[in-house]
Amino acid sequence: MKRKIYVEFKHGMRIRLEGARIYREKEEVLIGNGASYSIGETLLISVPKFNLIVFKGEQDYILKSPKLWRKPAPVKVSIH
């Protein structure tokens, strides 16, 4: 399903992606004895010729790729 996605950085820059596809993958941590708990999910947002990898944690989203700065950047993501 193709969707419209807005990615907004803390300093105000906003990226609009139309016709994007989303792949979600759960991130889990193994504790031991087969027990695990979920820490969040990784979203691969794909449009032709451009991909974003965003980690959705407990409180907010973090842009993992492309790295625009030396470390992952916190962003706001809205999916329509």
Foldseek 3Di string as FASTA:
>chain_A
DFWWKWKAAPVGDIDIDGRKDKDKDWDWDDDDPRDIDTQFIWIWIDDPPDIWIWTQGPPFIWTDPPPPDPHIGTIHMDID
